[in-house]
Amino acid sequence: MTGEIVSLPHREPTIRVAAMPSDANYSGDMFGGWIMGQVDIAGSIPAVNRAKGRVVTVAVNSFVFKEPIFMGDIVSFYAEITKVGRTSITVDVQVYAQRDPAKPVCVKVTEAILTYVAVSDDRRPRVVPPAD
């Protein structure tokens, strides 16, 4: 797979991590489950901030692996809220890999949409408070 070389979005990523050997398969590609976990963490950050408290993941609405992530890539996750319901928050997460420091390139590797539900301390759904 050879993806289109792109630029990172002009804003701070929600999270940025280095792809480490412990998260790679025998071929040096990152496990899909590792990527999915990082996407869930990135998506939960704006959801927690908007909900002003605890959220739980209730749906992965879409998840597309566009390109592999290789050991040593610097992976940037950009998460943005796209919809707020009564108790739910939908977040779009776009993932980019920066690779080959000698000849730097950036490719879009994953995109996903996740839905979170705001929950109270007893883990029951609660109303998302109004935006500030």
N, C-alpha and C. Protein backbone atom coordinates (compact mmCIF):
# COMPACT_ATOMS: atom_id res chain seq x y z
N MET A 1 0.84 -1.19 0.00
CA MET A 1 0.00 0.00 0.00
C MET A 1 0.88 1.24 0.00
N THR A 2 0.61 2.11 -0.91
CA THR A 2 1.31 3.39 -0.92
C THR A 2 0.27 4.48 -0.92
N GLY A 3 0.19 5.19 0.17
CA GLY A 3 -0.82 6.23 0.31
C GLY A 3 -0.33 7.57 -0.19
N GLU A 4 -1.27 8.42 -0.37
CA GLU A 4 -0.98 9.79 -0.79
C GLU A 4 -0.24 10.51 0.33
N ILE A 5 0.82 11.20 -0.03
CA ILE A 5 1.57 11.99 0.95
C ILE A 5 0.77 13.25 1.23
N VAL A 6 0.55 13.52 2.51
CA VAL A 6 -0.29 14.64 2.94
C VAL A 6 0.46 15.46 3.99
N SER A 7 -0.15 16.56 4.39
CA SER A 7 0.37 17.37 5.49
C SER A 7 -0.50 17.13 6.72
N LEU A 8 0.08 17.31 7.88
CA LEU A 8 -0.70 17.23 9.11
C LEU A 8 -1.68 18.40 9.16
N PRO A 9 -2.84 18.21 9.78
CA PRO A 9 -3.75 19.35 9.98
C PRO A 9 -3.05 20.48 10.74
N HIS A 10 -3.50 21.69 10.51
CA HIS A 10 -2.89 22.87 11.14
C HIS A 10 -3.51 23.14 12.50
N ARG A 11 -3.37 22.19 13.40
CA ARG A 11 -3.82 22.33 14.78
C ARG A 11 -3.08 21.28 15.60
N GLU A 12 -3.15 21.41 16.90
CA GLU A 12 -2.47 20.45 17.76
C GLU A 12 -3.22 19.11 17.73
N PRO A 13 -2.49 17.99 17.69
CA PRO A 13 -3.18 16.70 17.75
C PRO A 13 -3.73 16.48 19.15
N THR A 14 -4.75 15.65 19.23
CA THR A 14 -5.30 15.27 20.53
C THR A 14 -4.28 14.44 21.29
N ILE A 15 -3.65 13.48 20.59
CA ILE A 15 -2.51 12.74 21.16
C ILE A 15 -1.51 12.47 20.04
N ARG A 16 -0.27 12.25 20.43
CA ARG A 16 0.79 11.87 19.49
C ARG A 16 1.64 10.82 20.19
N VAL A 17 1.89 9.71 19.49
CA VAL A 17 2.66 8.61 20.08
C VAL A 17 3.65 8.07 19.06
N ALA A 18 4.69 7.43 19.56
CA ALA A 18 5.63 6.72 18.70
C ALA A 18 5.21 5.26 18.65
N ALA A 19 5.20 4.69 17.46
CA ALA A 19 4.86 3.27 17.29
C ALA A 19 6.06 2.44 17.74
N MET A 20 5.85 1.65 18.79
CA MET A 20 6.94 0.92 19.44
C MET A 20 6.93 -0.56 19.07
N PRO A 21 8.09 -1.22 19.18
CA PRO A 21 8.19 -2.64 18.83
C PRO A 21 7.20 -3.54 19.59
N SER A 22 6.91 -3.20 20.83
CA SER A 22 6.01 -4.05 21.62
C SER A 22 4.58 -4.06 21.08
N ASP A 23 4.25 -3.11 20.20
CA ASP A 23 2.90 -3.02 19.64
C ASP A 23 2.85 -3.50 18.19
N ALA A 24 3.94 -4.11 17.71
CA ALA A 24 4.03 -4.52 16.32
C ALA A 24 3.92 -6.04 16.18
N ASN A 25 3.47 -6.46 15.00
CA ASN A 25 3.47 -7.88 14.69
C ASN A 25 4.86 -8.29 14.19
N TYR A 26 5.03 -9.54 13.80
CA TYR A 26 6.33 -10.05 13.39
C TYR A 26 6.87 -9.37 12.13
N SER A 27 6.01 -8.70 11.37
CA SER A 27 6.44 -8.00 10.15
C SER A 27 6.81 -6.54 10.41
N GLY A 28 6.60 -6.06 11.63
CA GLY A 28 6.93 -4.68 11.95
C GLY A 28 5.79 -3.70 11.76
N ASP A 29 4.58 -4.20 11.45
CA ASP A 29 3.39 -3.35 11.34
C ASP A 29 2.68 -3.34 12.69
N MET A 30 2.09 -2.19 13.03
CA MET A 30 1.37 -2.11 14.30
C MET A 30 0.10 -2.96 14.24
N PHE A 31 -0.20 -3.61 15.35
CA PHE A 31 -1.43 -4.39 15.47
C PHE A 31 -2.64 -3.46 15.31
N GLY A 32 -3.65 -3.93 14.60
CA GLY A 32 -4.88 -3.15 14.44
C GLY A 32 -5.52 -2.84 15.78
N GLY A 33 -5.46 -3.77 16.72
CA GLY A 33 -6.03 -3.54 18.05
C GLY A 33 -5.34 -2.42 18.79
N TRP A 34 -4.02 -2.27 18.59
CA TRP A 34 -3.30 -1.16 19.21
C TRP A 34 -3.81 0.16 18.65
N ILE A 35 -3.95 0.21 17.33
CA ILE A 35 -4.43 1.43 16.69
C ILE A 35 -5.84 1.75 17.18
N MET A 36 -6.70 0.73 17.26
CA MET A 36 -8.08 0.94 17.71
C MET A 36 -8.10 1.48 19.14
N GLY A 37 -7.25 0.95 20.00
CA GLY A 37 -7.18 1.44 21.38
C GLY A 37 -6.75 2.89 21.45
N GLN A 38 -5.75 3.26 20.66
CA GLN A 38 -5.28 4.65 20.65
C GLN A 38 -6.35 5.58 20.10
N VAL A 39 -7.08 5.13 19.07
CA VAL A 39 -8.19 5.93 18.52
C VAL A 39 -9.25 6.15 19.59
N ASP A 40 -9.56 5.12 20.37
CA ASP A 40 -10.57 5.25 21.43
C ASP A 40 -10.11 6.23 22.50
N ILE A 41 -8.84 6.18 22.86
CA ILE A 41 -8.31 7.14 23.84
C ILE A 41 -8.43 8.56 23.28
N ALA A 42 -7.99 8.76 22.03
CA ALA A 42 -8.04 10.09 21.43
C ALA A 42 -9.48 10.60 21.34
N GLY A 43 -10.40 9.74 20.92
CA GLY A 43 -11.80 10.15 20.81
C GLY A 43 -12.43 10.49 22.14
N SER A 44 -12.00 9.80 23.18
CA SER A 44 -12.61 10.02 24.50
C SER A 44 -12.21 11.37 25.10
N ILE A 45 -11.07 11.92 24.70
CA ILE A 45 -10.59 13.17 25.32
C ILE A 45 -11.55 14.33 25.06
N PRO A 46 -11.93 14.63 23.81
CA PRO A 46 -12.91 15.71 23.64
C PRO A 46 -14.28 15.34 24.18
N ALA A 47 -14.62 14.06 24.17
CA ALA A 47 -15.92 13.64 24.71
C ALA A 47 -15.99 13.89 26.22
N VAL A 48 -14.92 13.55 26.95
CA VAL A 48 -14.86 13.79 28.40
C VAL A 48 -14.95 15.29 28.68
N ASN A 49 -14.21 16.08 27.91
CA ASN A 49 -14.23 17.52 28.12
C ASN A 49 -15.62 18.09 27.87
N ARG A 50 -16.28 17.65 26.80
CA ARG A 50 -17.62 18.16 26.48
C ARG A 50 -18.66 17.68 27.49
N ALA A 51 -18.53 16.43 27.93
CA ALA A 51 -19.47 15.86 28.90
C ALA A 51 -19.21 16.36 30.32
N LYS A 52 -18.06 16.98 30.52
CA LYS A 52 -17.64 17.43 31.85
C LYS A 52 -17.63 16.28 32.86
N GLY A 53 -17.13 15.14 32.39
CA GLY A 53 -17.05 13.98 33.27
C GLY A 53 -16.93 12.69 32.48
N ARG A 54 -17.18 11.62 33.17
CA ARG A 54 -16.98 10.27 32.64
C ARG A 54 -17.84 9.99 31.41
N VAL A 55 -17.22 9.28 30.45
CA VAL A 55 -17.93 8.77 29.29
C VAL A 55 -17.53 7.32 29.08
N VAL A 56 -18.38 6.59 28.35
CA VAL A 56 -18.06 5.23 27.95
C VAL A 56 -18.26 5.12 26.44
N THR A 57 -17.47 4.28 25.82
CA THR A 57 -17.61 4.03 24.39
C THR A 57 -18.80 3.10 24.18
N VAL A 58 -19.75 3.51 23.34
CA VAL A 58 -20.91 2.65 23.07
C VAL A 58 -20.96 2.15 21.65
N ALA A 59 -20.24 2.81 20.73
CA ALA A 59 -20.26 2.35 19.34
C ALA A 59 -19.02 2.81 18.59
N VAL A 60 -18.57 1.93 17.75
CA VAL A 60 -17.58 2.29 16.74
C VAL A 60 -18.39 2.30 15.45
N ASN A 61 -18.76 3.50 15.02
CA ASN A 61 -19.66 3.64 13.87
C ASN A 61 -18.97 3.31 12.55
N SER A 62 -17.70 3.67 12.46
CA SER A 62 -16.91 3.30 11.28
C SER A 62 -15.44 3.30 11.67
N PHE A 63 -14.68 2.48 10.97
CA PHE A 63 -13.25 2.38 11.25
C PHE A 63 -12.59 1.91 9.97
N VAL A 64 -11.73 2.73 9.39
CA VAL A 64 -11.08 2.38 8.12
C VAL A 64 -9.57 2.44 8.30
N PHE A 65 -8.91 1.31 8.05
CA PHE A 65 -7.46 1.25 8.03
C PHE A 65 -7.03 1.55 6.59
N LYS A 66 -6.50 2.73 6.35
CA LYS A 66 -6.14 3.16 5.01
C LYS A 66 -4.72 2.73 4.63
N GLU A 67 -3.83 2.75 5.60
CA GLU A 67 -2.42 2.41 5.40
C GLU A 67 -1.89 1.76 6.67
N PRO A 68 -0.87 0.92 6.55
CA PRO A 68 -0.27 0.36 7.78
C PRO A 68 0.51 1.44 8.54
N ILE A 69 0.66 1.20 9.81
CA ILE A 69 1.54 2.01 10.65
C ILE A 69 2.75 1.13 10.94
N PHE A 70 3.95 1.68 10.72
CA PHE A 70 5.17 0.92 10.88
C PHE A 70 5.86 1.27 12.20
N MET A 71 6.60 0.31 12.70
CA MET A 71 7.40 0.54 13.89
C MET A 71 8.28 1.76 13.65
N GLY A 72 8.28 2.69 14.60
CA GLY A 72 9.07 3.90 14.49
C GLY A 72 8.32 5.10 13.95
N ASP A 73 7.14 4.88 13.36
CA ASP A 73 6.34 6.02 12.90
C ASP A 73 5.94 6.89 14.09
N ILE A 74 5.82 8.18 13.86
CA ILE A 74 5.23 9.09 14.84
C ILE A 74 3.78 9.25 14.41
N VAL A 75 2.86 8.86 15.29
CA VAL A 75 1.45 8.77 14.94
C VAL A 75 0.67 9.87 15.66
N SER A 76 -0.04 10.69 14.87
CA SER A 76 -0.81 11.81 15.41
C SER A 76 -2.30 11.54 15.22
N PHE A 77 -3.05 11.74 16.31
CA PHE A 77 -4.50 11.48 16.33
C PHE A 77 -5.21 12.81 16.52
N TYR A 78 -6.10 13.14 15.61
CA TYR A 78 -6.87 14.39 15.66
C TYR A 78 -8.33 14.03 15.87
N ALA A 79 -8.90 14.44 17.00
CA ALA A 79 -10.28 14.09 17.34
C ALA A 79 -11.12 15.35 17.41
N GLU A 80 -12.33 15.25 16.83
CA GLU A 80 -13.23 16.40 16.78
C GLU A 80 -14.67 15.92 16.97
N ILE A 81 -15.39 16.59 17.84
CA ILE A 81 -16.80 16.27 18.07
C ILE A 81 -17.60 16.68 16.84
N THR A 82 -18.44 15.76 16.37
CA THR A 82 -19.28 16.06 15.20
C THR A 82 -20.76 16.15 15.55
N LYS A 83 -21.14 15.58 16.71
CA LYS A 83 -22.55 15.60 17.09
C LYS A 83 -22.68 15.41 18.59
N VAL A 84 -23.61 16.16 19.19
CA VAL A 84 -23.92 15.99 20.61
C VAL A 84 -25.41 15.72 20.72
N GLY A 85 -25.75 14.60 21.32
CA GLY A 85 -27.15 14.26 21.57
C GLY A 85 -27.50 14.52 23.02
N ARG A 86 -28.60 13.95 23.45
CA ARG A 86 -29.04 14.15 24.84
C ARG A 86 -28.02 13.56 25.82
N THR A 87 -27.58 12.32 25.58
CA THR A 87 -26.58 11.68 26.45
C THR A 87 -25.33 11.26 25.67
N SER A 88 -25.35 11.40 24.35
CA SER A 88 -24.26 10.88 23.53
C SER A 88 -23.44 11.98 22.87
N ILE A 89 -22.22 11.60 22.53
CA ILE A 89 -21.28 12.49 21.85
C ILE A 89 -20.60 11.66 20.77
N THR A 90 -20.67 12.13 19.53
CA THR A 90 -20.03 11.44 18.41
C THR A 90 -18.75 12.19 18.05
N VAL A 91 -17.68 11.42 17.87
CA VAL A 91 -16.36 12.01 17.63
C VAL A 91 -15.74 11.39 16.37
N ASP A 92 -15.19 12.25 15.53
CA ASP A 92 -14.45 11.84 14.34
C ASP A 92 -12.96 11.87 14.69
N VAL A 93 -12.26 10.79 14.38
CA VAL A 93 -10.82 10.72 14.67
C VAL A 93 -10.08 10.44 13.36
N GLN A 94 -9.12 11.29 13.05
CA GLN A 94 -8.28 11.15 11.87
C GLN A 94 -6.85 10.87 12.35
N VAL A 95 -6.19 9.89 11.72
CA VAL A 95 -4.88 9.45 12.19
C VAL A 95 -3.85 9.57 11.06
N TYR A 96 -2.69 10.15 11.39
CA TYR A 96 -1.62 10.37 10.42
C TYR A 96 -0.33 9.78 10.96
N ALA A 97 0.50 9.26 10.06
CA ALA A 97 1.82 8.75 10.44
C ALA A 97 2.89 9.56 9.74
N GLN A 98 3.86 10.00 10.55
CA GLN A 98 5.05 10.66 10.01
C GLN A 98 6.15 9.61 10.04
N ARG A 99 6.78 9.41 8.89
CA ARG A 99 7.78 8.35 8.82
C ARG A 99 9.03 8.80 8.08
N ASP A 100 10.07 8.01 8.25
CA ASP A 100 11.35 8.19 7.58
C ASP A 100 11.95 9.57 7.83
N PRO A 101 12.54 9.78 9.01
CA PRO A 101 13.11 11.09 9.34
C PRO A 101 14.16 11.58 8.32
N ALA A 102 14.83 10.66 7.62
CA ALA A 102 15.82 11.08 6.62
C ALA A 102 15.15 11.73 5.41
N LYS A 103 13.97 11.25 5.05
CA LYS A 103 13.17 11.82 3.95
C LYS A 103 11.73 11.87 4.46
N PRO A 104 11.41 12.84 5.31
CA PRO A 104 10.10 12.85 5.99
C PRO A 104 8.91 12.84 5.03
N VAL A 105 7.97 11.96 5.36
CA VAL A 105 6.68 11.92 4.67
C VAL A 105 5.59 11.74 5.71
N CYS A 106 4.41 12.16 5.35
CA CYS A 106 3.24 12.01 6.23
C CYS A 106 2.13 11.38 5.39
N VAL A 107 1.49 10.34 5.95
CA VAL A 107 0.37 9.69 5.28
C VAL A 107 -0.80 9.56 6.24
N LYS A 108 -2.01 9.64 5.71
CA LYS A 108 -3.20 9.39 6.53
C LYS A 108 -3.36 7.88 6.61
N VAL A 109 -3.42 7.36 7.84
CA VAL A 109 -3.42 5.91 8.01
C VAL A 109 -4.76 5.33 8.46
N THR A 110 -5.54 6.11 9.19
CA THR A 110 -6.79 5.58 9.74
C THR A 110 -7.78 6.71 9.90
N GLU A 111 -9.05 6.38 9.77
CA GLU A 111 -10.11 7.32 10.13
C GLU A 111 -11.23 6.52 10.79
N ALA A 112 -11.85 7.14 11.79
CA ALA A 112 -12.87 6.43 12.56
C ALA A 112 -13.89 7.41 13.11
N ILE A 113 -15.08 6.89 13.37
CA ILE A 113 -16.14 7.65 14.04
C ILE A 113 -16.62 6.79 15.20
N LEU A 114 -16.60 7.37 16.40
CA LEU A 114 -17.00 6.65 17.61
C LEU A 114 -18.08 7.44 18.33
N THR A 115 -18.93 6.74 19.07
CA THR A 115 -19.95 7.37 19.89
C THR A 115 -19.72 7.01 21.34
N TYR A 116 -19.75 8.03 22.18
CA TYR A 116 -19.59 7.89 23.62
C TYR A 116 -20.88 8.31 24.29
N VAL A 117 -21.14 7.78 25.48
CA VAL A 117 -22.28 8.19 26.29
C VAL A 117 -21.76 8.72 27.61
N ALA A 118 -22.26 9.88 28.00
CA ALA A 118 -21.92 10.45 29.31
C ALA A 118 -22.58 9.59 30.39
N VAL A 119 -21.82 9.27 31.42
CA VAL A 119 -22.36 8.46 32.51
C VAL A 119 -22.04 9.10 33.85
N SER A 120 -22.89 8.80 34.82
CA SER A 120 -22.69 9.30 36.18
C SER A 120 -21.78 8.34 36.94
N ASP A 121 -21.54 8.63 38.20
CA ASP A 121 -20.67 7.78 39.00
C ASP A 121 -21.19 6.35 39.11
N ASP A 122 -22.51 6.17 38.99
CA ASP A 122 -23.07 4.82 39.05
C ASP A 122 -23.10 4.15 37.67
N ARG A 123 -22.45 4.81 36.71
CA ARG A 123 -22.29 4.31 35.34
C ARG A 123 -23.59 4.23 34.55
N ARG A 124 -24.57 5.02 34.94
CA ARG A 124 -25.82 5.11 34.20
C ARG A 124 -25.76 6.36 33.30
N PRO A 125 -26.40 6.31 32.14
CA PRO A 125 -26.38 7.48 31.25
C PRO A 125 -26.88 8.73 31.96
N ARG A 126 -26.26 9.84 31.62
CA ARG A 126 -26.69 11.14 32.16
C ARG A 126 -26.73 12.14 31.00
N VAL A 127 -27.43 13.21 31.19
CA VAL A 127 -27.58 14.24 30.17
C VAL A 127 -26.24 14.98 30.01
N VAL A 128 -25.85 15.20 28.75
CA VAL A 128 -24.66 16.01 28.48
C VAL A 128 -25.02 17.46 28.81
N PRO A 129 -24.22 18.12 29.65
CA PRO A 129 -24.55 19.51 30.00
C PRO A 129 -24.45 20.44 28.79
N PRO A 130 -25.12 21.58 28.87
CA PRO A 130 -25.03 22.55 27.77
C PRO A 130 -23.59 22.98 27.55
N ALA A 131 -23.28 23.37 26.31
CA ALA A 131 -21.94 23.87 26.00
C ALA A 131 -21.73 25.21 26.70
N ASP A 132 -20.48 25.48 27.02
CA ASP A 132 -20.14 26.75 27.67
C ASP A 132 -20.35 27.92 26.74
